[in-house]
Amino acid sequence: MNDCIFCKIASGVIPSPKLYEDDKIFIIKDIEPKAKLHYLCIPKIHFALLTEMDEVKAELVKHCFQVIPTLEEQLGLQEGYRMIINQGKNGGQTVPHLHIHLLGGEVLGDF
């Protein structure tokens, strides 16, 4: 998608240090952190909502959930973390490209 900031980061048009990258996903630091440690795990294929998932996109989300636990130590999340997927305007989604927030590095309060 031409106007998507995450697609531009994935393609290298907008530089952003990637803490992890493979052929399907990448992880970057959130520029507006909501916790001591705040990362974004972003699929390289563009889609905004879980309702847009097909088999390929479902495999991408599955891949995210398989990779994230392998990076706990590298990302400083070994004491625990919260994962959040915001969906739509009322869900707090500000970038219309599905991504998983990883928050940790401190004790997180209740909702």
N, C-alpha and C. Protein backbone atom coordinates (compact mmCIF):
# COMPACT_ATOMS: atom_id res chain seq x y z
N MET A 1 0.86 -1.17 0.00
CA MET A 1 0.00 0.00 0.00
C MET A 1 0.90 1.24 0.00
N ASN A 2 0.64 2.18 -0.87
CA ASN A 2 1.54 3.31 -1.09
C ASN A 2 1.64 4.28 0.08
N ASP A 3 0.56 4.51 0.82
CA ASP A 3 0.58 5.49 1.89
C ASP A 3 0.85 4.89 3.26
N CYS A 4 1.05 3.60 3.35
CA CYS A 4 1.20 2.92 4.64
C CYS A 4 2.62 3.08 5.17
N ILE A 5 2.74 3.66 6.36
CA ILE A 5 4.06 3.86 6.95
C ILE A 5 4.77 2.54 7.20
N PHE A 6 4.04 1.50 7.63
CA PHE A 6 4.69 0.22 7.89
C PHE A 6 5.15 -0.45 6.60
N CYS A 7 4.41 -0.29 5.52
CA CYS A 7 4.84 -0.81 4.23
C CYS A 7 6.10 -0.08 3.76
N LYS A 8 6.16 1.21 4.01
CA LYS A 8 7.35 2.00 3.64
C LYS A 8 8.56 1.59 4.46
N ILE A 9 8.36 1.28 5.74
CA ILE A 9 9.46 0.79 6.57
C ILE A 9 9.90 -0.59 6.08
N ALA A 10 8.94 -1.45 5.79
CA ALA A 10 9.26 -2.81 5.31
C ALA A 10 10.08 -2.76 4.03
N SER A 11 9.75 -1.84 3.13
CA SER A 11 10.44 -1.76 1.85
C SER A 11 11.73 -0.95 1.91
N GLY A 12 11.99 -0.28 3.04
CA GLY A 12 13.21 0.51 3.18
C GLY A 12 13.06 1.95 2.74
N VAL A 13 11.88 2.36 2.27
CA VAL A 13 11.66 3.75 1.87
C VAL A 13 11.81 4.68 3.08
N ILE A 14 11.30 4.25 4.22
CA ILE A 14 11.50 4.98 5.47
C ILE A 14 12.44 4.14 6.33
N PRO A 15 13.60 4.70 6.68
CA PRO A 15 14.53 3.93 7.50
C PRO A 15 14.05 3.80 8.94
N SER A 16 14.19 2.61 9.49
CA SER A 16 13.87 2.35 10.88
C SER A 16 14.68 1.14 11.31
N PRO A 17 15.42 1.27 12.40
CA PRO A 17 16.21 0.11 12.85
C PRO A 17 15.30 -1.07 13.19
N LYS A 18 15.57 -2.19 12.57
CA LYS A 18 14.79 -3.40 12.80
C LYS A 18 15.53 -4.26 13.83
N LEU A 19 14.84 -4.60 14.90
CA LEU A 19 15.43 -5.43 15.95
C LEU A 19 15.38 -6.90 15.55
N TYR A 20 14.47 -7.22 14.66
CA TYR A 20 14.35 -8.56 14.10
C TYR A 20 13.72 -8.42 12.73
N GLU A 21 14.17 -9.27 11.80
CA GLU A 21 13.55 -9.29 10.48
C GLU A 21 13.78 -10.65 9.84
N ASP A 22 12.75 -11.15 9.21
CA ASP A 22 12.87 -12.32 8.34
C ASP A 22 12.07 -12.02 7.08
N ASP A 23 11.78 -13.02 6.30
CA ASP A 23 11.09 -12.77 5.03
C ASP A 23 9.61 -12.47 5.20
N LYS A 24 9.05 -12.63 6.42
CA LYS A 24 7.62 -12.46 6.63
C LYS A 24 7.26 -11.30 7.56
N ILE A 25 8.11 -11.01 8.53
CA ILE A 25 7.79 -10.02 9.57
C ILE A 25 9.03 -9.22 9.95
N PHE A 26 8.80 -8.12 10.68
CA PHE A 26 9.91 -7.40 11.30
C PHE A 26 9.41 -6.81 12.61
N ILE A 27 10.37 -6.50 13.49
CA ILE A 27 10.07 -5.91 14.79
C ILE A 27 10.88 -4.63 14.94
N ILE A 28 10.18 -3.56 15.34
CA ILE A 28 10.81 -2.26 15.58
C ILE A 28 10.36 -1.73 16.94
N LYS A 29 11.05 -0.71 17.43
CA LYS A 29 10.60 -0.02 18.63
C LYS A 29 9.45 0.90 18.27
N ASP A 30 8.48 1.01 19.17
CA ASP A 30 7.38 1.96 18.98
C ASP A 30 7.92 3.37 19.23
N ILE A 31 7.56 4.32 18.39
CA ILE A 31 8.06 5.69 18.55
C ILE A 31 7.31 6.47 19.63
N GLU A 32 6.17 5.93 20.08
CA GLU A 32 5.42 6.53 21.18
C GLU A 32 5.17 5.46 22.25
N PRO A 33 6.23 5.07 22.97
CA PRO A 33 6.12 3.93 23.89
C PRO A 33 5.11 4.16 25.01
N LYS A 34 4.38 3.09 25.32
CA LYS A 34 3.40 3.09 26.41
C LYS A 34 3.90 2.28 27.59
N ALA A 35 5.12 1.78 27.52
CA ALA A 35 5.77 1.03 28.59
C ALA A 35 7.27 1.23 28.45
N LYS A 36 8.02 0.79 29.46
CA LYS A 36 9.48 0.93 29.42
C LYS A 36 10.03 0.31 28.13
N LEU A 37 9.52 -0.86 27.77
CA LEU A 37 9.86 -1.50 26.51
C LEU A 37 8.58 -1.62 25.69
N HIS A 38 8.61 -1.14 24.46
CA HIS A 38 7.41 -1.18 23.60
C HIS A 38 7.87 -1.40 22.17
N TYR A 39 7.53 -2.57 21.65
CA TYR A 39 7.91 -2.97 20.30
C TYR A 39 6.66 -3.21 19.46
N LEU A 40 6.86 -3.22 18.15
CA LEU A 40 5.81 -3.56 17.21
C LEU A 40 6.29 -4.72 16.34
N CYS A 41 5.50 -5.77 16.29
CA CYS A 41 5.77 -6.90 15.40
C CYS A 41 4.83 -6.73 14.20
N ILE A 42 5.41 -6.59 13.01
CA ILE A 42 4.65 -6.17 11.84
C ILE A 42 4.82 -7.15 10.69
N PRO A 43 3.72 -7.73 10.21
CA PRO A 43 3.80 -8.56 8.99
C PRO A 43 4.17 -7.69 7.79
N LYS A 44 4.92 -8.26 6.86
CA LYS A 44 5.33 -7.50 5.67
C LYS A 44 4.20 -7.39 4.65
N ILE A 45 3.24 -8.28 4.68
CA ILE A 45 2.09 -8.19 3.79
C ILE A 45 1.07 -7.24 4.41
N HIS A 46 0.57 -6.32 3.63
CA HIS A 46 -0.36 -5.31 4.14
C HIS A 46 -1.77 -5.86 4.28
N PHE A 47 -2.30 -5.73 5.47
CA PHE A 47 -3.74 -5.86 5.74
C PHE A 47 -3.97 -5.19 7.08
N ALA A 48 -5.14 -4.62 7.25
CA ALA A 48 -5.40 -3.80 8.43
C ALA A 48 -6.10 -4.56 9.55
N LEU A 49 -7.04 -5.41 9.20
CA LEU A 49 -7.92 -5.99 10.21
C LEU A 49 -7.89 -7.51 10.18
N LEU A 50 -8.17 -8.10 11.32
CA LEU A 50 -8.25 -9.55 11.41
C LEU A 50 -9.34 -10.10 10.50
N THR A 51 -10.37 -9.30 10.25
CA THR A 51 -11.45 -9.75 9.37
C THR A 51 -10.99 -9.88 7.91
N GLU A 52 -9.83 -9.35 7.58
CA GLU A 52 -9.28 -9.44 6.22
C GLU A 52 -8.41 -10.67 6.03
N MET A 53 -8.27 -11.48 7.07
CA MET A 53 -7.36 -12.62 6.99
C MET A 53 -7.88 -13.70 6.06
N ASP A 54 -6.96 -14.23 5.28
CA ASP A 54 -7.18 -15.45 4.52
C ASP A 54 -6.13 -16.43 5.04
N GLU A 55 -5.93 -17.55 4.38
CA GLU A 55 -4.97 -18.54 4.87
C GLU A 55 -3.55 -17.99 4.92
N VAL A 56 -3.14 -17.22 3.93
CA VAL A 56 -1.78 -16.66 3.89
C VAL A 56 -1.58 -15.69 5.04
N LYS A 57 -2.53 -14.81 5.25
CA LYS A 57 -2.41 -13.83 6.33
C LYS A 57 -2.51 -14.49 7.70
N ALA A 58 -3.31 -15.52 7.81
CA ALA A 58 -3.39 -16.27 9.07
C ALA A 58 -2.05 -16.92 9.39
N GLU A 59 -1.36 -17.42 8.38
CA GLU A 59 -0.03 -18.00 8.58
C GLU A 59 0.96 -16.94 9.03
N LEU A 60 0.82 -15.71 8.53
CA LEU A 60 1.69 -14.61 8.98
C LEU A 60 1.48 -14.32 10.46
N VAL A 61 0.23 -14.24 10.87
CA VAL A 61 -0.07 -13.98 12.29
C VAL A 61 0.45 -15.13 13.14
N LYS A 62 0.25 -16.35 12.69
CA LYS A 62 0.78 -17.52 13.39
C LYS A 62 2.30 -17.41 13.51
N HIS A 63 2.97 -17.01 12.43
CA HIS A 63 4.42 -16.85 12.43
C HIS A 63 4.86 -15.82 13.48
N CYS A 64 4.12 -14.73 13.57
CA CYS A 64 4.42 -13.72 14.60
C CYS A 64 4.42 -14.36 15.99
N PHE A 65 3.36 -15.13 16.28
CA PHE A 65 3.22 -15.74 17.59
C PHE A 65 4.23 -16.86 17.83
N GLN A 66 4.81 -17.40 16.78
CA GLN A 66 5.88 -18.39 16.94
C GLN A 66 7.23 -17.72 17.16
N VAL A 67 7.47 -16.59 16.51
CA VAL A 67 8.76 -15.92 16.60
C VAL A 67 8.90 -15.12 17.90
N ILE A 68 7.86 -14.41 18.30
CA ILE A 68 7.95 -13.52 19.46
C ILE A 68 8.55 -14.21 20.69
N PRO A 69 8.10 -15.40 21.08
CA PRO A 69 8.68 -16.03 22.28
C PRO A 69 10.16 -16.36 22.15
N THR A 70 10.65 -16.55 20.93
CA THR A 70 12.07 -16.85 20.74
C THR A 70 12.95 -15.62 20.94
N LEU A 71 12.34 -14.45 20.98
CA LEU A 71 13.08 -13.19 21.10
C LEU A 71 12.97 -12.54 22.48
N GLU A 72 12.33 -13.23 23.42
CA GLU A 72 12.09 -12.64 24.74
C GLU A 72 13.37 -12.10 25.37
N GLU A 73 14.44 -12.90 25.38
CA GLU A 73 15.69 -12.46 26.00
C GLU A 73 16.31 -11.31 25.23
N GLN A 74 16.38 -11.43 23.91
CA GLN A 74 16.97 -10.38 23.07
C GLN A 74 16.26 -9.03 23.26
N LEU A 75 14.94 -9.07 23.45
CA LEU A 75 14.16 -7.84 23.59
C LEU A 75 14.00 -7.39 25.04
N GLY A 76 14.52 -8.17 25.99
CA GLY A 76 14.40 -7.81 27.40
C GLY A 76 13.04 -8.10 27.99
N LEU A 77 12.34 -9.07 27.44
CA LEU A 77 10.97 -9.37 27.86
C LEU A 77 10.85 -10.67 28.65
N GLN A 78 11.96 -11.19 29.14
CA GLN A 78 11.94 -12.49 29.79
C GLN A 78 11.16 -12.52 31.10
N GLU A 79 10.85 -11.37 31.69
CA GLU A 79 10.05 -11.32 32.93
C GLU A 79 8.56 -11.24 32.64
N GLY A 80 8.20 -11.20 31.37
CA GLY A 80 6.79 -11.13 30.98
C GLY A 80 6.50 -9.92 30.12
N TYR A 81 5.42 -10.00 29.40
CA TYR A 81 5.05 -8.91 28.49
C TYR A 81 3.58 -9.03 28.14
N ARG A 82 3.05 -7.96 27.60
CA ARG A 82 1.67 -7.91 27.13
C ARG A 82 1.70 -7.77 25.62
N MET A 83 0.80 -8.49 24.95
CA MET A 83 0.65 -8.36 23.50
C MET A 83 -0.74 -7.80 23.23
N ILE A 84 -0.79 -6.81 22.33
CA ILE A 84 -2.05 -6.15 22.01
C ILE A 84 -2.15 -5.99 20.49
N ILE A 85 -3.33 -6.31 19.96
CA ILE A 85 -3.64 -6.01 18.56
C ILE A 85 -4.85 -5.09 18.58
N ASN A 86 -4.64 -3.83 18.24
CA ASN A 86 -5.74 -2.87 18.15
C ASN A 86 -6.46 -3.06 16.82
N GLN A 87 -7.78 -2.98 16.86
CA GLN A 87 -8.60 -3.20 15.67
C GLN A 87 -9.57 -2.05 15.48
N GLY A 88 -9.37 -1.29 14.41
CA GLY A 88 -10.28 -0.20 14.06
C GLY A 88 -10.15 1.02 14.96
N LYS A 89 -10.85 2.06 14.57
CA LYS A 89 -10.78 3.35 15.27
C LYS A 89 -11.13 3.23 16.75
N ASN A 90 -12.25 2.58 17.06
CA ASN A 90 -12.65 2.45 18.46
C ASN A 90 -11.72 1.55 19.26
N GLY A 91 -10.98 0.69 18.58
CA GLY A 91 -10.01 -0.17 19.25
C GLY A 91 -8.65 0.47 19.42
N GLY A 92 -8.51 1.72 18.97
CA GLY A 92 -7.24 2.44 19.13
C GLY A 92 -6.23 2.22 18.02
N GLN A 93 -6.65 1.63 16.91
CA GLN A 93 -5.73 1.40 15.80
C GLN A 93 -5.47 2.71 15.07
N THR A 94 -4.21 3.17 15.09
CA THR A 94 -3.86 4.44 14.45
C THR A 94 -3.15 4.24 13.11
N VAL A 95 -2.58 3.06 12.88
CA VAL A 95 -1.97 2.74 11.60
C VAL A 95 -2.75 1.56 11.02
N PRO A 96 -3.38 1.74 9.86
CA PRO A 96 -4.21 0.69 9.30
C PRO A 96 -3.40 -0.43 8.61
N HIS A 97 -2.51 -1.03 9.37
CA HIS A 97 -1.71 -2.18 8.94
C HIS A 97 -1.59 -3.04 10.19
N LEU A 98 -2.09 -4.26 10.14
CA LEU A 98 -2.10 -5.10 11.34
C LEU A 98 -0.70 -5.19 11.94
N HIS A 99 -0.63 -5.03 13.25
CA HIS A 99 0.63 -5.15 13.98
C HIS A 99 0.34 -5.54 15.42
N ILE A 100 1.31 -6.15 16.06
CA ILE A 100 1.17 -6.61 17.43
C ILE A 100 2.08 -5.76 18.31
N HIS A 101 1.49 -5.12 19.30
CA HIS A 101 2.27 -4.36 20.29
C HIS A 101 2.81 -5.33 21.33
N LEU A 102 4.07 -5.19 21.67
CA LEU A 102 4.71 -5.95 22.74
C LEU A 102 5.15 -4.95 23.79
N LEU A 103 4.57 -5.03 24.98
CA LEU A 103 4.88 -4.10 26.05
C LEU A 103 5.46 -4.86 27.23
N GLY A 104 6.53 -4.34 27.81
CA GLY A 104 7.14 -5.00 28.96
C GLY A 104 8.24 -4.15 29.56
N GLY A 105 9.12 -4.84 30.28
CA GLY A 105 10.25 -4.15 30.92
C GLY A 105 9.90 -3.57 32.27
N GLU A 106 8.66 -3.77 32.69
CA GLU A 106 8.19 -3.26 33.98
C GLU A 106 6.88 -3.96 34.31
N VAL A 107 6.43 -3.80 35.54
CA VAL A 107 5.14 -4.35 35.92
C VAL A 107 4.06 -3.49 35.27
N LEU A 108 3.19 -4.13 34.49
CA LEU A 108 2.13 -3.41 33.80
C LEU A 108 0.86 -3.47 34.64
N GLY A 109 0.17 -2.37 34.71
CA GLY A 109 -1.06 -2.29 35.50
C GLY A 109 -2.21 -3.04 34.83
N ASP A 110 -3.26 -3.17 35.61
CA ASP A 110 -4.48 -3.77 35.08
C ASP A 110 -5.11 -2.83 34.09
N PHE A 111 -6.02 -3.37 33.28
CA PHE A 111 -6.77 -2.54 32.35
C PHE A 111 -7.81 -1.74 33.09
